[in-house]
Amino acid sequence: MKVHSALGKWHGLTDIDILNLSTISESKFQHKEWAALKYAYEWAILDGNEPEGDFMAEYRKLYSQKERDRINKLLRFMQFTNYCSNIFLNRGWKKESESLFKG
């Protein structure tokens, strides 16, 4: 998670923001935002498959089909860029001291 945290800090997130995002506690976000983050978290765990669970009915109620399609598109793009950056940041031949993001 070091690279993700470093990127988050680079984009202005605080340590508290990063902690809140890592736990996705419903009490730390507005309800609609929490539903989208919970969906994204579950989607990532399921490797891009549609999550199931009690929160899904609420997620579908809060977001239109068009909004859910955009969220899915964004998640697929994030997964793609994560895979691409893994190729460049986690090269076995690269020395630790050459890391782009430290911390």
Foldseek 3Di string as FASTA:
>chain_A
DQVVVQVCVVVPDDPVNVVCLVVLDCVVDPNLVSLLSVQLVQCVVVVNDGDDDDSVVVNPVSDPPVRVVVSSVVSVVVVVVVVVVCCVQVDPVDDPVPHPGDD
